[in-house]
């Protein structure tokens, strides 16, 4: 650790922490620690994120906490009233998710509210511009079963704050779905399914028409541009065309809406779990479609395109 005998060393370590009552797994992050020896004992004299790794919220300033029935909101540089409002939105989001997804999660959500979008980028270990127009994201990595790292919902204080009350609730419910389904989401899960399912849960019971829920896709279909295939993962890139991104989200949502409408809500969640249980991406959707819904991937795509045309034409 200190071959030169200088009494100083630098190590890379993984920091893991868990908030009791909220996390089913530990939240993790890579750190670089500076160590200094004094009187025969080693002390941590410096602590910073490893290159490319995210910061921790407490390193951005004094943290204020607001606890709700189903959520914990932690903010830096935020008005307490705003944190209480987000806690109330989390209290509505969690029961909505539980009503649609019953399963192996803590049934609570931790929401981080940094002071700025630049601080948000620091929490995610990515350039702020990547998330400038995104209202909120979750931090967890897919897969891992019960040992999957804990999720945090990170709010973009600028984009989230510009939304209507409905928009804020929709976004927080959507992100809470990702928290709930994390251990059942694997590298085999296509983004259209994970994002489409999150939108389906968030939209469930709102009474919105398909045109209201997916206006960008509605405009494309009315203009004769019916999508030929389900969205690919790359269609969900944050730094691409915003209209194309919105159409991808709408397409994924309508695929999940189709399953819930024609096969049933329980079959939709069973399909989600069946895809995530596959060992690899190739063929995962096709196998799950056959096992759970009794259709081929080609037949499902045909039915989905007809459903999109029916709802948005």
Protein backbone atom coordinates (compact mmCIF):
# COMPACT_ATOMS: atom_id res chain seq x y z
CA UNK A 1 0.00 0.00 0.00
CA UNK A 2 2.89 2.35 0.78
CA UNK A 3 6.00 0.82 -0.79
CA UNK A 4 7.99 4.04 -0.57
CA UNK A 5 7.44 4.31 3.18
CA UNK A 6 6.19 7.90 2.91
CA UNK A 7 3.29 7.52 5.30
CA UNK A 8 0.87 8.32 2.50
CA UNK A 9 -1.08 6.14 0.09
CA UNK A 10 -3.93 6.38 -2.39
CA UNK A 11 -6.40 3.56 -2.94
CA UNK A 12 -9.49 3.00 -5.04
CA UNK A 13 -12.42 1.61 -3.07
CA UNK A 14 -16.12 0.90 -3.45
CA UNK A 15 -18.32 2.78 -1.01
CA UNK A 16 -21.56 1.00 -0.12
CA UNK A 17 -24.30 2.36 2.06
CA UNK A 18 -27.88 1.43 2.80
CA UNK A 19 -30.73 3.50 4.20
CA UNK A 20 -32.63 1.32 6.62
CA UNK A 21 -36.26 0.85 5.71
CA UNK A 22 -35.78 2.07 2.14
CA UNK A 23 -33.10 0.02 0.46
CA UNK A 24 -33.33 -3.69 -0.32
CA UNK A 25 -29.70 -3.55 -1.50
CA UNK A 26 -26.76 -1.24 -0.97
CA UNK A 27 -26.16 1.91 -3.00
CA UNK A 28 -22.61 1.79 -4.32
CA UNK A 29 -20.03 4.13 -5.82
CA UNK A 30 -16.32 4.01 -6.63
CA UNK A 31 -14.14 6.38 -4.60
CA UNK A 32 -10.48 7.37 -4.43
CA UNK A 33 -9.23 7.59 -0.85
CA UNK A 34 -6.07 9.35 0.30
CA UNK A 35 -4.59 7.69 3.37
CA UNK A 36 -2.14 9.24 5.84
CA UNK A 37 -0.22 7.41 8.57
CA UNK A 38 0.06 8.97 12.01
CA UNK A 39 1.50 7.23 15.07
CA UNK A 40 1.30 3.83 13.43
CA UNK A 41 -2.34 4.16 12.34
CA UNK A 42 -3.79 5.00 8.93
CA UNK A 43 -6.42 7.73 8.50
CA UNK A 44 -8.54 8.83 5.54
CA UNK A 45 -7.29 12.30 4.66
CA UNK A 46 -9.04 12.68 1.30
CA UNK A 47 -12.14 11.27 -0.37
CA UNK A 48 -13.31 11.94 -3.94
CA UNK A 49 -15.17 10.16 -6.71
CA UNK A 50 -13.11 7.83 -8.88
CA UNK A 51 -12.72 9.05 -12.49
CA UNK A 52 -16.12 8.76 -14.16
CA UNK A 53 -17.84 7.79 -10.91
CA UNK A 54 -20.68 9.79 -9.37
CA UNK A 55 -20.51 12.11 -6.39
CA UNK A 56 -22.54 11.59 -3.25
CA UNK A 57 -25.21 14.16 -2.41
CA UNK A 58 -23.65 15.00 0.96
CA UNK A 59 -20.51 16.13 -0.84
CA UNK A 60 -22.47 18.89 -2.59
CA UNK A 61 -23.51 20.73 0.55
CA UNK A 62 -25.72 20.51 3.61
CA UNK A 63 -28.44 17.91 3.08
CA UNK A 64 -32.02 18.57 4.17
CA UNK A 65 -34.29 15.53 4.60
CA UNK A 66 -38.07 15.27 4.35
CA UNK A 67 -39.72 11.96 5.21
CA UNK A 68 -43.09 10.94 3.79
CA UNK A 69 -45.18 7.82 4.23
CA UNK A 70 -43.52 6.06 1.29
CA UNK A 71 -40.48 8.15 0.45
CA UNK A 72 -37.42 9.96 1.67
CA UNK A 73 -36.49 13.18 -0.12
CA UNK A 74 -32.95 14.49 0.32
CA UNK A 75 -32.09 17.91 -1.05
CA UNK A 76 -29.19 20.35 -1.23
CA UNK A 77 -29.84 24.05 -1.75
CA UNK A 78 -33.60 23.52 -1.99
CA UNK A 79 -36.53 25.26 -0.35
CA UNK A 80 -38.07 22.98 2.33
CA UNK A 81 -41.55 23.50 0.85
CA UNK A 82 -40.37 22.15 -2.48
CA UNK A 83 -38.95 19.05 -0.80
CA UNK A 84 -42.24 18.51 1.05
CA UNK A 85 -44.14 18.76 -2.24
CA UNK A 86 -41.89 16.13 -3.82
CA UNK A 87 -42.37 13.91 -0.76
CA UNK A 88 -46.14 14.18 -1.25
CA UNK A 89 -45.69 13.21 -4.92
CA UNK A 90 -43.62 10.20 -3.84
CA UNK A 91 -46.39 9.23 -1.40
CA UNK A 92 -48.79 9.05 -4.34
CA UNK A 93 -46.32 7.37 -6.69
CA UNK A 94 -45.49 4.34 -4.54
CA UNK A 95 -49.09 3.08 -4.06
CA UNK A 96 -49.74 3.56 -7.79
CA UNK A 97 -46.73 1.36 -8.56
CA UNK A 98 -47.69 -1.22 -5.94
CA UNK A 99 -51.15 -1.52 -7.49
CA UNK A 100 -49.58 -2.48 -10.83
CA UNK A 101 -46.43 -4.35 -9.75
CA UNK A 102 -46.50 -6.61 -6.78
CA UNK A 103 -43.16 -7.93 -5.88
CA UNK A 104 -39.75 -7.89 -4.41
CA UNK A 105 -38.93 -4.32 -3.58
CA UNK A 106 -38.85 -2.20 -0.47
CA UNK A 107 -42.07 -0.34 -1.31
CA UNK A 108 -40.35 2.98 -0.70
CA UNK A 109 -38.36 5.40 -2.77
CA UNK A 110 -35.39 7.69 -2.10
CA UNK A 111 -35.39 10.93 -4.11
CA UNK A 112 -32.31 13.17 -4.43
CA UNK A 113 -32.83 16.84 -5.32
CA UNK A 114 -29.52 18.59 -6.11
CA UNK A 115 -29.20 22.35 -6.31
CA UNK A 116 -28.62 22.59 -10.08
CA UNK A 117 -28.57 20.50 -13.24
CA UNK A 118 -24.75 20.62 -13.09
CA UNK A 119 -24.94 19.10 -9.63
CA UNK A 120 -27.31 16.48 -11.03
CA UNK A 121 -24.64 15.54 -13.57
CA UNK A 122 -22.17 15.17 -10.71
CA UNK A 123 -24.49 12.73 -8.93
CA UNK A 124 -24.77 10.68 -12.11
CA UNK A 125 -21.10 10.86 -13.10
CA UNK A 126 -21.99 12.35 -16.49
CA UNK A 127 -21.98 15.74 -18.22
CA UNK A 128 -24.90 17.89 -17.15
CA UNK A 129 -25.90 18.54 -20.78
CA UNK A 130 -26.81 14.87 -21.09
CA UNK A 131 -29.69 15.42 -18.67
CA UNK A 132 -30.56 19.09 -19.17
CA UNK A 133 -34.02 18.39 -20.61
CA UNK A 134 -34.69 15.26 -18.56
CA UNK A 135 -36.87 15.79 -15.49
CA UNK A 136 -35.57 12.82 -13.45
CA UNK A 137 -33.62 9.58 -13.77
CA UNK A 138 -32.89 6.54 -11.64
CA UNK A 139 -29.36 5.53 -10.76
CA UNK A 140 -29.52 1.75 -10.34
CA UNK A 141 -27.94 -0.75 -12.70
CA UNK A 142 -30.05 -3.48 -14.26
CA UNK A 143 -29.84 -7.10 -13.18
CA UNK A 144 -28.30 -8.63 -10.12
CA UNK A 145 -31.42 -10.13 -8.55
CA UNK A 146 -31.83 -9.51 -4.81
CA UNK A 147 -28.26 -8.19 -4.67
CA UNK A 148 -28.92 -5.40 -7.20
CA UNK A 149 -27.64 -2.00 -6.04
CA UNK A 150 -30.17 0.34 -4.49
CA UNK A 151 -31.83 2.88 -6.73
CA UNK A 152 -32.01 6.60 -6.21
CA UNK A 153 -34.35 8.86 -8.17
CA UNK A 154 -32.37 11.98 -9.07
CA UNK A 155 -34.46 15.04 -9.90
CA UNK A 156 -33.37 17.70 -12.35
CA UNK A 157 -34.43 20.80 -10.37
CA UNK A 158 -34.84 22.87 -13.52
CA UNK A 159 -36.74 20.51 -15.82
CA UNK A 160 -38.81 18.95 -13.04
CA UNK A 161 -39.74 22.34 -11.67
CA UNK A 162 -41.05 23.48 -15.05
CA UNK A 163 -43.61 20.67 -15.25
CA UNK A 164 -47.28 20.86 -14.37
CA UNK A 165 -48.55 19.05 -11.28
CA UNK A 166 -49.67 16.19 -13.55
CA UNK A 167 -46.29 16.10 -15.27
CA UNK A 168 -44.37 15.96 -12.01
CA UNK A 169 -46.56 13.14 -10.71
CA UNK A 170 -46.22 11.22 -13.96
CA UNK A 171 -42.42 11.53 -13.94
CA UNK A 172 -42.00 10.49 -10.32
CA UNK A 173 -44.35 7.53 -10.74
CA UNK A 174 -42.47 6.49 -13.89
CA UNK A 175 -39.12 6.61 -12.09
CA UNK A 176 -40.55 4.74 -9.09
CA UNK A 177 -41.49 1.92 -11.47
CA UNK A 178 -37.81 1.57 -12.35
CA UNK A 179 -36.99 1.30 -8.64
CA UNK A 180 -39.65 -1.38 -8.16
CA UNK A 181 -38.71 -3.45 -11.21
CA UNK A 182 -34.94 -3.13 -10.93
CA UNK A 183 -34.26 -6.68 -9.77
CA UNK A 184 -36.44 -8.05 -12.58
CA UNK A 185 -34.81 -5.91 -15.28
CA UNK A 186 -31.75 -7.48 -16.87
CA UNK A 187 -29.50 -7.00 -19.91
CA UNK A 188 -32.09 -9.12 -21.75
CA UNK A 189 -34.76 -6.44 -21.22
CA UNK A 190 -35.10 -4.07 -24.19
CA UNK A 191 -35.46 -0.40 -23.36
CA UNK A 192 -38.85 -0.23 -25.11
CA UNK A 193 -40.17 -2.67 -22.50
CA UNK A 194 -38.61 -1.09 -19.40
CA UNK A 195 -39.56 2.45 -20.43
CA UNK A 196 -42.89 1.45 -21.95
CA UNK A 197 -43.90 -0.40 -18.80
CA UNK A 198 -42.91 2.55 -16.61
CA UNK A 199 -45.02 4.86 -18.78
CA UNK A 200 -47.91 2.37 -18.74
CA UNK A 201 -47.97 2.31 -14.94
CA UNK A 202 -47.65 6.10 -14.68
CA UNK A 203 -50.48 6.62 -17.20
CA UNK A 204 -52.73 3.91 -15.74
CA UNK A 205 -55.99 5.35 -14.50
CA UNK A 206 -55.35 8.90 -15.74
CA UNK A 207 -58.07 8.73 -18.38
CA UNK A 208 -55.86 10.27 -21.07
CA UNK A 209 -56.43 9.31 -24.68
CA UNK A 210 -53.60 7.77 -26.67
CA UNK A 211 -53.25 11.02 -28.63
CA UNK A 212 -52.88 12.96 -25.39
CA UNK A 213 -50.36 10.48 -23.98
CA UNK A 214 -48.26 10.17 -27.15
CA UNK A 215 -48.75 13.39 -29.16
CA UNK A 216 -45.50 13.12 -31.13
CA UNK A 217 -46.31 9.58 -32.28
CA UNK A 218 -49.88 10.67 -32.98
CA UNK A 219 -48.64 13.39 -35.34
CA UNK A 220 -46.37 10.93 -37.13
CA UNK A 221 -49.13 8.36 -37.62
CA UNK A 222 -51.58 11.00 -38.85
CA UNK A 223 -48.91 12.07 -41.35
CA UNK A 224 -48.66 8.50 -42.66
CA UNK A 225 -45.48 7.53 -40.78
CA UNK A 226 -46.62 4.41 -38.92
CA UNK A 227 -43.55 2.84 -37.25
CA UNK A 228 -42.38 -0.34 -38.96
CA UNK A 229 -40.74 -1.88 -35.88
CA UNK A 230 -40.58 -1.60 -32.14
CA UNK A 231 -37.98 0.93 -30.95
CA UNK A 232 -34.37 -0.16 -30.57
CA UNK A 233 -32.32 0.80 -27.53
CA UNK A 234 -30.51 3.54 -29.43
CA UNK A 235 -33.82 5.27 -30.13
CA UNK A 236 -33.96 6.21 -26.44
CA UNK A 237 -30.72 8.21 -26.39
CA UNK A 238 -31.14 11.46 -24.45
CA UNK A 239 -28.84 13.40 -26.77
CA UNK A 240 -30.76 12.67 -29.97
CA UNK A 241 -33.82 14.21 -31.62
CA UNK A 242 -36.38 15.00 -28.87
CA UNK A 243 -39.31 14.23 -31.20
CA UNK A 244 -37.83 10.85 -32.11
CA UNK A 245 -37.21 10.12 -28.42
CA UNK A 246 -40.83 10.95 -27.60
CA UNK A 247 -42.05 8.70 -30.42
CA UNK A 248 -39.93 5.86 -29.03
CA UNK A 249 -41.47 6.30 -25.58
CA UNK A 250 -44.95 6.39 -27.08
CA UNK A 251 -44.26 3.24 -29.08
CA UNK A 252 -43.03 1.36 -26.02
CA UNK A 253 -46.02 2.53 -23.98
CA UNK A 254 -48.49 1.37 -26.65
CA UNK A 255 -46.78 -2.03 -26.84
CA UNK A 256 -47.40 -2.48 -23.11
CA UNK A 257 -50.91 -1.03 -23.45
CA UNK A 258 -51.60 -3.61 -26.16
CA UNK A 259 -50.59 -6.49 -23.90
CA UNK A 260 -52.64 -5.18 -20.99
CA UNK A 261 -55.64 -4.53 -23.25
CA UNK A 262 -55.65 -7.77 -25.26
CA UNK A 263 -54.08 -10.28 -22.87
CA UNK A 264 -54.46 -8.68 -19.43
CA UNK A 265 -52.49 -6.71 -16.85
CA UNK A 266 -51.24 -9.83 -15.05
CA UNK A 267 -49.91 -11.17 -18.35
CA UNK A 268 -48.09 -7.87 -18.92
CA UNK A 269 -46.21 -8.13 -15.63
CA UNK A 270 -45.59 -11.85 -16.24
CA UNK A 271 -44.15 -10.99 -19.66
CA UNK A 272 -41.89 -8.34 -18.13
CA UNK A 273 -40.55 -10.84 -15.61
CA UNK A 274 -40.14 -13.55 -18.24
CA UNK A 275 -38.02 -11.30 -20.47
CA UNK A 276 -35.85 -10.19 -17.55
CA UNK A 277 -35.28 -13.81 -16.51
CA UNK A 278 -33.55 -14.61 -19.82
CA UNK A 279 -29.78 -15.00 -19.77
CA UNK A 280 -29.11 -12.91 -22.88
CA UNK A 281 -30.80 -10.36 -25.10
CA UNK A 282 -30.88 -12.38 -28.31
CA UNK A 283 -34.24 -14.12 -28.59
CA UNK A 284 -35.37 -13.06 -25.11
CA UNK A 285 -38.47 -11.15 -26.22
CA UNK A 286 -39.46 -13.85 -28.71
CA UNK A 287 -39.20 -16.63 -26.12
CA UNK A 288 -41.17 -14.67 -23.54
CA UNK A 289 -43.86 -13.77 -26.08
CA UNK A 290 -44.29 -17.45 -26.90
CA UNK A 291 -44.26 -18.63 -23.29
CA UNK A 292 -46.52 -15.96 -21.80
CA UNK A 293 -48.68 -14.62 -24.63
CA UNK A 294 -48.59 -17.48 -27.13
CA UNK A 295 -47.51 -15.39 -30.12
CA UNK A 296 -44.37 -15.01 -32.21
CA UNK A 297 -42.37 -11.79 -32.28
CA UNK A 298 -43.45 -11.17 -35.88
CA UNK A 299 -47.12 -11.63 -34.98
CA UNK A 300 -46.80 -9.36 -31.96
CA UNK A 301 -45.17 -6.65 -34.08
CA UNK A 302 -48.00 -6.93 -36.60
CA UNK A 303 -50.61 -6.62 -33.86
CA UNK A 304 -48.73 -3.71 -32.30
CA UNK A 305 -48.62 -1.76 -35.56
CA UNK A 306 -52.35 -2.33 -36.05
CA UNK A 307 -52.97 -1.21 -32.46
CA UNK A 308 -50.93 1.97 -32.96
CA UNK A 309 -52.88 2.74 -36.13
CA UNK A 310 -56.18 2.04 -34.36
CA UNK A 311 -55.42 4.24 -31.36
CA UNK A 312 -53.64 7.08 -33.16
CA UNK A 313 -54.90 7.01 -36.74
